Amino acid sequence: MGAVVPFVILHLAALSVLWVPFSGKLVLLLVFTYAIRMFGVTAGYHRYFSHRSYKLGRVAQFAMAFLAQTSGQKGALWWAAHHRVHHRESDREHDVHSPWQSGFWWSHAGWVISNRYDDYDARAVGEFSRFPELLWLDRNHWVPTVAFAAVVLASGGGPAFVWGYVLSTIVLYHCTFSINSFAHLFGTRRFDTPDQSRNNALLAVLTMGEGWHNNHHFSPGSCRQGYRWWEVDLTYLILRALSWTGVVSSLRPFREVARREAA
């Protein structure tokens, strides 16, 4: 059954919000727990482990993997290995999640919760497979999200758990998954990439910069995905601020031709 059962249970658990008194504090908790974990997805899973668009020390690397995995989207090495296949085969027959090849639902969530892609080629992320702590975390990918859920529950009880973990995780799932589905179907194409990636401003807001997806597919190694001044890329801005503290370093720029065309 793969991840189908927990995926369905989580969505059914969201109905419990009907029995939780509404409050502004719970909404703020949802926004906070969503945002911090979305940063883990975008800065960790995607820009660091998948594309190595900046550098981290070993301790910070583990912390970023742990933060990313609080999202409940499996291990950092699993995520990165499959994402690298997606870029190599983007929107072609062997793309693991192309709406043009396998339909909207499969690209959005079906491929994640099926058994077909439970495994991955460790050689695809060989530079990270040499770290035993990352291998352990990848094998036990459920630990960070369970720990996060426990902290939320302990800090605010049942209402906090419903809003700060259950609803937050569901929103996080579907906003993340929308880049695989919607961002290859709806939006604009600044660059003539060989795939169907699109820039979508709404998705960029919801995913802290990932919606500038055509920009990203043109220059996948870039840490910055919003090229024009108005293409807000909150993940990049946070990473840039962290670079001033020395936590992160060597943020890779976008391709020079992209810089000229985006000016």
C-alpha atoms as a PDB file:
ATOM      1  CA  MET A   1       0.000   0.000   0.000  1.00  0.00           C
ATOM      2  CA  GLY A   2       3.035   2.274   0.188  1.00  0.00           C
ATOM      3  CA  ALA A   3       2.193   5.652   1.662  1.00  0.00           C
ATOM      4  CA  VAL A   4      -1.468   5.480   0.640  1.00  0.00           C
ATOM      5  CA  VAL A   5      -2.818   4.584   4.088  1.00  0.00           C
ATOM      6  CA  PRO A   6      -1.078   7.372   6.070  1.00  0.00           C
ATOM      7  CA  PHE A   7      -1.880   9.823   3.255  1.00  0.00           C
ATOM      8  CA  VAL A   8      -5.592   8.965   3.440  1.00  0.00           C
ATOM      9  CA  ILE A   9      -5.645   8.896   7.249  1.00  0.00           C
ATOM     10  CA  LEU A  10      -4.071  12.343   7.417  1.00  0.00           C
ATOM     11  CA  HIS A  11      -6.693  13.765   5.070  1.00  0.00           C
ATOM     12  CA  LEU A  12      -9.519  12.131   7.027  1.00  0.00           C
ATOM     13  CA  ALA A  13      -8.026  13.487  10.260  1.00  0.00           C
ATOM     14  CA  ALA A  14      -8.428  16.982   8.829  1.00  0.00           C
ATOM     15  CA  LEU A  15     -12.190  16.609   9.373  1.00  0.00           C
ATOM     16  CA  SER A  16     -11.517  16.929  13.100  1.00  0.00           C
ATOM     17  CA  VAL A  17     -11.128  20.673  12.528  1.00  0.00           C
ATOM     18  CA  LEU A  18     -14.948  20.786  12.587  1.00  0.00           C
ATOM     19  CA  TRP A  19     -14.824  20.040  16.333  1.00  0.00           C
ATOM     20  CA  VAL A  20     -12.013  22.487  17.153  1.00  0.00           C
ATOM     21  CA  PRO A  21     -13.007  26.041  18.151  1.00  0.00           C
ATOM     22  CA  PHE A  22     -11.618  28.510  15.634  1.00  0.00           C
ATOM     23  CA  SER A  23      -9.064  31.094  16.753  1.00  0.00           C
ATOM     24  CA  GLY A  24      -6.619  33.472  15.136  1.00  0.00           C
ATOM     25  CA  LYS A  25      -3.767  31.929  17.127  1.00  0.00           C
ATOM     26  CA  LEU A  26      -4.413  28.553  15.505  1.00  0.00           C
ATOM     27  CA  VAL A  27      -4.327  30.142  12.058  1.00  0.00           C
ATOM     28  CA  LEU A  28      -1.009  31.795  12.901  1.00  0.00           C
ATOM     29  CA  LEU A  29       0.279  28.434  14.126  1.00  0.00           C
ATOM     30  CA  LEU A  30      -0.711  26.825  10.817  1.00  0.00           C
ATOM     31  CA  VAL A  31       1.078  29.579   8.869  1.00  0.00           C
ATOM     32  CA  PHE A  32       4.218  29.264  11.005  1.00  0.00           C
ATOM     33  CA  THR A  33       4.424  25.455  10.888  1.00  0.00           C
ATOM     34  CA  TYR A  34       3.740  25.553   7.162  1.00  0.00           C
ATOM     35  CA  ALA A  35       6.342  28.233   6.412  1.00  0.00           C
ATOM     36  CA  ILE A  36       9.216  26.761   8.413  1.00  0.00           C
ATOM     37  CA  ARG A  37       8.695  23.347   6.820  1.00  0.00           C
ATOM     38  CA  MET A  38       8.207  24.757   3.331  1.00  0.00           C
ATOM     39  CA  PHE A  39      11.600  26.387   3.776  1.00  0.00           C
ATOM     40  CA  GLY A  40      12.954  22.938   4.641  1.00  0.00           C
ATOM     41  CA  VAL A  41      11.457  21.558   1.433  1.00  0.00           C
ATOM     42  CA  THR A  42      12.656  24.345  -0.847  1.00  0.00           C
ATOM     43  CA  ALA A  43      16.034  25.120   0.711  1.00  0.00           C
ATOM     44  CA  GLY A  44      16.758  21.572   1.861  1.00  0.00           C
ATOM     45  CA  TYR A  45      15.239  18.860  -0.320  1.00  0.00           C
ATOM     46  CA  HIS A  46      15.373  20.962  -3.463  1.00  0.00           C
ATOM     47  CA  ARG A  47      18.078  23.587  -3.617  1.00  0.00           C
ATOM     48  CA  TYR A  48      20.618  21.839  -1.399  1.00  0.00           C
ATOM     49  CA  PHE A  49      20.274  18.063  -1.666  1.00  0.00           C
ATOM     50  CA  SER A  50      18.911  17.932  -5.220  1.00  0.00           C
ATOM     51  CA  HIS A  51      20.898  20.736  -6.848  1.00  0.00           C
ATOM     52  CA  ARG A  52      23.746  21.617  -4.471  1.00  0.00           C
ATOM     53  CA  SER A  53      23.134  25.282  -5.172  1.00  0.00           C
ATOM     54  CA  TYR A  54      24.915  26.349  -1.962  1.00  0.00           C
ATOM     55  CA  LYS A  55      27.134  24.826   0.719  1.00  0.00           C
ATOM     56  CA  LEU A  56      26.505  23.759   4.310  1.00  0.00           C
ATOM     57  CA  GLY A  57      28.746  22.387   7.029  1.00  0.00           C
ATOM     58  CA  ARG A  58      28.119  18.846   8.195  1.00  0.00           C
ATOM     59  CA  VAL A  59      26.057  19.763  11.271  1.00  0.00           C
ATOM     60  CA  ALA A  60      23.973  22.295   9.342  1.00  0.00           C
ATOM     61  CA  GLN A  61      23.538  19.728   6.556  1.00  0.00           C
ATOM     62  CA  PHE A  62      22.029  17.238   9.010  1.00  0.00           C
ATOM     63  CA  ALA A  63      19.820  19.934  10.528  1.00  0.00           C
ATOM     64  CA  MET A  64      18.560  20.915   7.066  1.00  0.00           C
ATOM     65  CA  ALA A  65      17.751  17.297   6.216  1.00  0.00           C
ATOM     66  CA  PHE A  66      15.922  16.901   9.533  1.00  0.00           C
ATOM     67  CA  LEU A  67      13.931  20.093   8.928  1.00  0.00           C
ATOM     68  CA  ALA A  68      13.042  19.004   5.389  1.00  0.00           C
ATOM     69  CA  GLN A  69      11.831  15.623   6.623  1.00  0.00           C
ATOM     70  CA  THR A  70       9.474  17.203   9.162  1.00  0.00           C
ATOM     71  CA  SER A  71       7.358  17.771   6.047  1.00  0.00           C
ATOM     72  CA  GLY A  72       6.626  14.034   5.843  1.00  0.00           C
ATOM     73  CA  GLN A  73       7.861  13.795   2.246  1.00  0.00           C
ATOM     74  CA  LYS A  74      10.242  10.877   2.816  1.00  0.00           C
ATOM     75  CA  GLY A  75      14.030  10.979   3.069  1.00  0.00           C
ATOM     76  CA  ALA A  76      16.225  13.786   1.771  1.00  0.00           C
ATOM     77  CA  LEU A  77      18.309  11.362  -0.305  1.00  0.00           C
ATOM     78  CA  TRP A  78      15.176   9.656  -1.684  1.00  0.00           C
ATOM     79  CA  TRP A  79      13.725  13.057  -2.604  1.00  0.00           C
ATOM     80  CA  ALA A  80      16.918  14.302  -4.243  1.00  0.00           C
ATOM     81  CA  ALA A  81      17.593  11.109  -6.206  1.00  0.00           C
ATOM     82  CA  HIS A  82      14.149  11.130  -7.804  1.00  0.00           C
ATOM     83  CA  HIS A  83      14.267  14.852  -8.427  1.00  0.00           C
ATOM     84  CA  ARG A  84      17.512  14.476 -10.336  1.00  0.00           C
ATOM     85  CA  VAL A  85      15.807  11.890 -12.548  1.00  0.00           C
ATOM     86  CA  HIS A  86      12.989  14.373 -13.115  1.00  0.00           C
ATOM     87  CA  HIS A  87      15.432  16.983 -14.405  1.00  0.00           C
ATOM     88  CA  ARG A  88      17.290  14.524 -16.589  1.00  0.00           C
ATOM     89  CA  GLU A  89      14.059  13.213 -18.153  1.00  0.00           C
ATOM     90  CA  SER A  90      11.762  16.190 -17.644  1.00  0.00           C
ATOM     91  CA  ASP A  91       8.360  15.684 -19.325  1.00  0.00           C
ATOM     92  CA  ARG A  92       9.695  12.748 -21.313  1.00  0.00           C
ATOM     93  CA  GLU A  93       8.760   9.090 -21.046  1.00  0.00           C
ATOM     94  CA  HIS A  94      10.934   8.303 -18.026  1.00  0.00           C
ATOM     95  CA  ASP A  95      10.090  11.385 -15.983  1.00  0.00           C
ATOM     96  CA  VAL A  96       8.871  10.138 -12.590  1.00  0.00           C
ATOM     97  CA  HIS A  97       6.138  12.768 -12.343  1.00  0.00           C
ATOM     98  CA  SER A  98       5.173  14.448 -15.590  1.00  0.00           C
ATOM     99  CA  PRO A  99       1.524  15.468 -16.105  1.00  0.00           C
ATOM    100  CA  TRP A 100       2.208  15.291 -19.849  1.00  0.00           C
ATOM    101  CA  GLN A 101       3.188  11.625 -19.637  1.00  0.00           C
ATOM    102  CA  SER A 102       1.136  10.160 -16.801  1.00  0.00           C
ATOM    103  CA  GLY A 103      -1.663  12.617 -16.112  1.00  0.00           C
ATOM    104  CA  PHE A 104      -2.341  15.258 -13.484  1.00  0.00           C
ATOM    105  CA  TRP A 105      -3.101  13.052 -10.458  1.00  0.00           C
ATOM    106  CA  TRP A 106      -0.031  10.872 -10.907  1.00  0.00           C
ATOM    107  CA  SER A 107       2.283  13.868 -11.223  1.00  0.00           C
ATOM    108  CA  HIS A 108       0.634  15.614  -8.286  1.00  0.00           C
ATOM    109  CA  ALA A 109       0.535  12.875  -5.657  1.00  0.00           C
ATOM    110  CA  GLY A 110       0.129   9.408  -7.157  1.00  0.00           C
ATOM    111  CA  TRP A 111       3.826   8.786  -7.730  1.00  0.00           C
ATOM    112  CA  VAL A 112       4.672   9.742  -4.127  1.00  0.00           C
ATOM    113  CA  ILE A 113       2.177   7.430  -2.442  1.00  0.00           C
ATOM    114  CA  SER A 114       2.640   4.443  -4.767  1.00  0.00           C
ATOM    115  CA  ASN A 115       5.121   1.606  -4.247  1.00  0.00           C
ATOM    116  CA  ARG A 116       6.740   2.081  -7.637  1.00  0.00           C
ATOM    117  CA  TYR A 117       9.325   4.599  -6.485  1.00  0.00           C
ATOM    118  CA  ASP A 118       9.956   3.435  -2.921  1.00  0.00           C
ATOM    119  CA  ASP A 119      13.566   2.689  -3.835  1.00  0.00           C
ATOM    120  CA  TYR A 120      16.162   4.905  -5.485  1.00  0.00           C
ATOM    121  CA  ASP A 121      19.599   4.600  -7.017  1.00  0.00           C
ATOM    122  CA  ALA A 122      22.007   5.585  -4.240  1.00  0.00           C
ATOM    123  CA  ARG A 123      24.633   6.373  -6.880  1.00  0.00           C
ATOM    124  CA  ALA A 124      22.484   9.317  -7.975  1.00  0.00           C
ATOM    125  CA  VAL A 125      23.234  11.018  -4.653  1.00  0.00           C
ATOM    126  CA  GLY A 126      26.629   9.479  -4.033  1.00  0.00           C
ATOM    127  CA  GLU A 127      28.138  12.660  -2.635  1.00  0.00           C
ATOM    128  CA  PHE A 128      25.677  12.485   0.284  1.00  0.00           C
ATOM    129  CA  SER A 129      25.577   8.705   0.727  1.00  0.00           C
ATOM    130  CA  ARG A 130      28.974   8.801   2.425  1.00  0.00           C
ATOM    131  CA  PHE A 131      27.472  10.461   5.502  1.00  0.00           C
ATOM    132  CA  PRO A 132      26.141   7.780   7.891  1.00  0.00           C
ATOM    133  CA  GLU A 133      23.886  10.256   9.697  1.00  0.00           C
ATOM    134  CA  LEU A 134      22.134  11.131   6.431  1.00  0.00           C
ATOM    135  CA  LEU A 135      21.724   7.456   5.552  1.00  0.00           C
ATOM    136  CA  TRP A 136      20.191   6.793   8.958  1.00  0.00           C
ATOM    137  CA  LEU A 137      17.843   9.744   8.612  1.00  0.00           C
ATOM    138  CA  ASP A 138      16.881   8.647   5.117  1.00  0.00           C
ATOM    139  CA  ARG A 139      16.069   5.107   6.289  1.00  0.00           C
ATOM    140  CA  ASN A 140      14.114   6.452   9.247  1.00  0.00           C
ATOM    141  CA  HIS A 141      12.481   9.272   7.347  1.00  0.00           C
ATOM    142  CA  TRP A 142       9.415   9.218   9.615  1.00  0.00           C
ATOM    143  CA  VAL A 143      11.366  10.283  12.722  1.00  0.00           C
ATOM    144  CA  PRO A 144      11.511  14.054  12.034  1.00  0.00           C
ATOM    145  CA  THR A 145       7.829  14.422  11.137  1.00  0.00           C
ATOM    146  CA  VAL A 146       6.722  12.364  14.153  1.00  0.00           C
ATOM    147  CA  ALA A 147       8.996  14.428  16.402  1.00  0.00           C
ATOM    148  CA  PHE A 148       7.586  17.628  14.932  1.00  0.00           C
ATOM    149  CA  ALA A 149       4.024  16.405  15.471  1.00  0.00           C
ATOM    150  CA  ALA A 150       4.852  15.498  19.084  1.00  0.00           C
ATOM    151  CA  VAL A 151       6.280  18.947  19.786  1.00  0.00           C
ATOM    152  CA  VAL A 152       3.204  20.650  18.329  1.00  0.00           C
ATOM    153  CA  LEU A 153       0.882  18.398  20.348  1.00  0.00           C
ATOM    154  CA  ALA A 154       2.825  18.924  23.575  1.00  0.00           C
ATOM    155  CA  SER A 155       2.922  22.691  23.086  1.00  0.00           C
ATOM    156  CA  GLY A 156      -0.778  23.256  22.446  1.00  0.00           C
ATOM    157  CA  GLY A 157      -2.778  20.073  22.826  1.00  0.00           C
ATOM    158  CA  GLY A 158      -5.315  18.697  20.373  1.00  0.00           C
ATOM    159  CA  PRO A 159      -6.343  21.983  18.696  1.00  0.00           C
ATOM    160  CA  ALA A 160      -2.700  22.872  18.024  1.00  0.00           C
ATOM    161  CA  PHE A 161      -2.082  19.389  16.639  1.00  0.00           C
ATOM    162  CA  VAL A 162      -5.044  19.637  14.240  1.00  0.00           C
ATOM    163  CA  TRP A 163      -4.092  23.084  12.941  1.00  0.00           C
ATOM    164  CA  GLY A 164      -0.314  23.067  13.399  1.00  0.00           C
ATOM    165  CA  TYR A 165       0.360  19.566  12.123  1.00  0.00           C
ATOM    166  CA  VAL A 166      -2.567  17.889  10.355  1.00  0.00           C
ATOM    167  CA  LEU A 167      -3.880  20.840   8.340  1.00  0.00           C
ATOM    168  CA  SER A 168      -0.422  22.353   7.977  1.00  0.00           C
ATOM    169  CA  THR A 169       0.999  19.111   6.566  1.00  0.00           C
ATOM    170  CA  ILE A 170      -1.864  18.659   4.104  1.00  0.00           C
ATOM    171  CA  VAL A 171      -1.452  22.212   2.791  1.00  0.00           C
ATOM    172  CA  LEU A 172       2.302  21.660   2.644  1.00  0.00           C
ATOM    173  CA  TYR A 173       1.826  18.449   0.660  1.00  0.00           C
ATOM    174  CA  HIS A 174      -0.396  19.942  -1.978  1.00  0.00           C
ATOM    175  CA  CYS A 175       1.530  23.184  -2.397  1.00  0.00           C
ATOM    176  CA  THR A 176       4.755  21.213  -2.832  1.00  0.00           C
ATOM    177  CA  PHE A 177       3.124  18.737  -5.209  1.00  0.00           C
ATOM    178  CA  SER A 178       1.636  21.583  -7.258  1.00  0.00           C
ATOM    179  CA  ILE A 179       5.095  22.358  -8.641  1.00  0.00           C
ATOM    180  CA  ASN A 180       5.184  18.902 -10.247  1.00  0.00           C
ATOM    181  CA  SER A 181       1.658  19.211 -11.636  1.00  0.00           C
ATOM    182  CA  PHE A 182       0.333  22.775 -12.042  1.00  0.00           C
ATOM    183  CA  ALA A 183       3.757  24.310 -12.744  1.00  0.00           C
ATOM    184  CA  HIS A 184       4.121  22.093 -15.815  1.00  0.00           C
ATOM    185  CA  LEU A 185       0.659  23.015 -17.097  1.00  0.00           C
ATOM    186  CA  PHE A 186      -0.239  26.605 -16.179  1.00  0.00           C
ATOM    187  CA  GLY A 187       1.852  29.764 -16.387  1.00  0.00           C
ATOM    188  CA  THR A 188       4.299  31.542 -18.656  1.00  0.00           C
ATOM    189  CA  ARG A 189       7.492  30.390 -20.342  1.00  0.00           C
ATOM    190  CA  ARG A 190      10.306  32.943 -20.441  1.00  0.00           C
ATOM    191  CA  PHE A 191      12.916  30.408 -21.534  1.00  0.00           C
ATOM    192  CA  ASP A 192      12.603  27.811 -24.294  1.00  0.00           C
ATOM    193  CA  THR A 193      13.465  24.784 -22.170  1.00  0.00           C
ATOM    194  CA  PRO A 194      12.976  21.257 -23.606  1.00  0.00           C
ATOM    195  CA  ASP A 195      10.244  20.544 -21.034  1.00  0.00           C
ATOM    196  CA  GLN A 196       6.914  22.206 -20.237  1.00  0.00           C
ATOM    197  CA  SER A 197       7.949  24.052 -17.062  1.00  0.00           C
ATOM    198  CA  ARG A 198       6.050  27.289 -16.376  1.00  0.00           C
ATOM    199  CA  ASN A 199       6.478  30.361 -14.199  1.00  0.00           C
ATOM    200  CA  ASN A 200       3.461  30.812 -11.951  1.00  0.00           C
ATOM    201  CA  ALA A 201       3.366  33.803  -9.596  1.00  0.00           C
ATOM    202  CA  LEU A 202       0.676  32.373  -7.320  1.00  0.00           C
ATOM    203  CA  LEU A 203       2.638  29.167  -6.810  1.00  0.00           C
ATOM    204  CA  ALA A 204       5.768  31.232  -6.190  1.00  0.00           C
ATOM    205  CA  VAL A 205       4.027  32.965  -3.281  1.00  0.00           C
ATOM    206  CA  LEU A 206       2.655  29.708  -1.866  1.00  0.00           C
ATOM    207  CA  THR A 207       5.984  27.859  -2.140  1.00  0.00           C
ATOM    208  CA  MET A 208       8.426  30.617  -1.164  1.00  0.00           C
ATOM    209  CA  GLY A 209       9.844  30.972  -4.682  1.00  0.00           C
ATOM    210  CA  GLU A 210       9.495  27.551  -6.274  1.00  0.00           C
ATOM    211  CA  GLY A 211       6.782  28.756  -8.641  1.00  0.00           C
ATOM    212  CA  TRP A 212       9.367  30.438 -10.872  1.00  0.00           C
ATOM    213  CA  HIS A 213       9.692  26.989 -12.320  1.00  0.00           C
ATOM    214  CA  ASN A 214      10.600  27.773 -15.916  1.00  0.00           C
ATOM    215  CA  ASN A 215      13.442  29.948 -14.615  1.00  0.00           C
ATOM    216  CA  HIS A 216      14.568  27.004 -12.502  1.00  0.00           C
ATOM    217  CA  HIS A 217      14.496  24.493 -15.340  1.00  0.00           C
ATOM    218  CA  PHE A 218      16.565  26.857 -17.454  1.00  0.00           C
ATOM    219  CA  SER A 219      19.192  27.205 -14.735  1.00  0.00           C
ATOM    220  CA  PRO A 220      18.608  24.334 -12.278  1.00  0.00           C
ATOM    221  CA  GLY A 221      21.857  24.815 -10.376  1.00  0.00           C
ATOM    222  CA  SER A 222      21.004  28.365  -9.418  1.00  0.00           C
ATOM    223  CA  CYS A 223      20.171  29.089  -5.788  1.00  0.00           C
ATOM    224  CA  ARG A 224      18.012  31.975  -6.951  1.00  0.00           C
ATOM    225  CA  GLN A 225      14.886  31.151  -8.939  1.00  0.00           C
ATOM    226  CA  GLY A 226      13.210  34.555  -9.195  1.00  0.00           C
ATOM    227  CA  TYR A 227      15.302  36.493 -11.699  1.00  0.00           C
ATOM    228  CA  ARG A 228      13.486  39.790 -12.164  1.00  0.00           C
ATOM    229  CA  TRP A 229      13.244  42.163  -9.196  1.00  0.00           C
ATOM    230  CA  TRP A 230       9.519  41.549  -8.850  1.00  0.00           C
ATOM    231  CA  GLU A 231       9.861  37.744  -8.878  1.00  0.00           C
ATOM    232  CA  VAL A 232       9.944  37.355  -5.126  1.00  0.00           C
ATOM    233  CA  ASP A 233      11.936  34.303  -4.048  1.00  0.00           C
ATOM    234  CA  LEU A 234      11.661  34.177  -0.275  1.00  0.00           C
ATOM    235  CA  THR A 235      13.763  31.017   0.032  1.00  0.00           C
ATOM    236  CA  TYR A 236      16.665  32.705  -1.725  1.00  0.00           C
ATOM    237  CA  LEU A 237      16.333  35.827   0.413  1.00  0.00           C
ATOM    238  CA  ILE A 238      16.481  33.748   3.611  1.00  0.00           C
ATOM    239  CA  LEU A 239      19.476  31.769   2.350  1.00  0.00           C
ATOM    240  CA  ARG A 240      21.210  35.001   1.402  1.00  0.00           C
ATOM    241  CA  ALA A 241      20.617  36.354   4.911  1.00  0.00           C
ATOM    242  CA  LEU A 242      21.967  33.116   6.395  1.00  0.00           C
ATOM    243  CA  SER A 243      25.074  33.497   4.223  1.00  0.00           C
ATOM    244  CA  TRP A 244      25.862  36.709   6.104  1.00  0.00           C
ATOM    245  CA  THR A 245      26.069  34.651   9.307  1.00  0.00           C
ATOM    246  CA  GLY A 246      28.256  31.961   7.738  1.00  0.00           C
ATOM    247  CA  VAL A 247      25.673  29.191   8.172  1.00  0.00           C
ATOM    248  CA  VAL A 248      25.459  28.793   4.396  1.00  0.00           C
ATOM    249  CA  SER A 249      28.004  29.762   1.752  1.00  0.00           C
ATOM    250  CA  SER A 250      28.774  29.750  -1.963  1.00  0.00           C
ATOM    251  CA  LEU A 251      25.272  30.524  -3.225  1.00  0.00           C
ATOM    252  CA  ARG A 252      25.391  29.700  -6.925  1.00  0.00           C
ATOM    253  CA  PRO A 253      24.154  32.450  -9.312  1.00  0.00           C
ATOM    254  CA  PHE A 254      21.861  31.861 -12.247  1.00  0.00           C
ATOM    255  CA  ARG A 255      23.267  31.410 -15.727  1.00  0.00           C
ATOM    256  CA  GLU A 256      24.730  34.527 -17.331  1.00  0.00           C
ATOM    257  CA  VAL A 257      22.433  34.276 -20.334  1.00  0.00           C
ATOM    258  CA  ALA A 258      19.475  34.141 -17.930  1.00  0.00           C
ATOM    259  CA  ARG A 259      20.773  37.278 -16.221  1.00  0.00           C
ATOM    260  CA  ARG A 260      20.844  39.143 -19.554  1.00  0.00           C
ATOM    261  CA  GLU A 261      17.438  37.925 -20.705  1.00  0.00           C
ATOM    262  CA  ALA A 262      15.803  38.624 -17.351  1.00  0.00           C
ATOM    263  CA  ALA A 263      17.178  42.151 -17.102  1.00  0.00           C
END
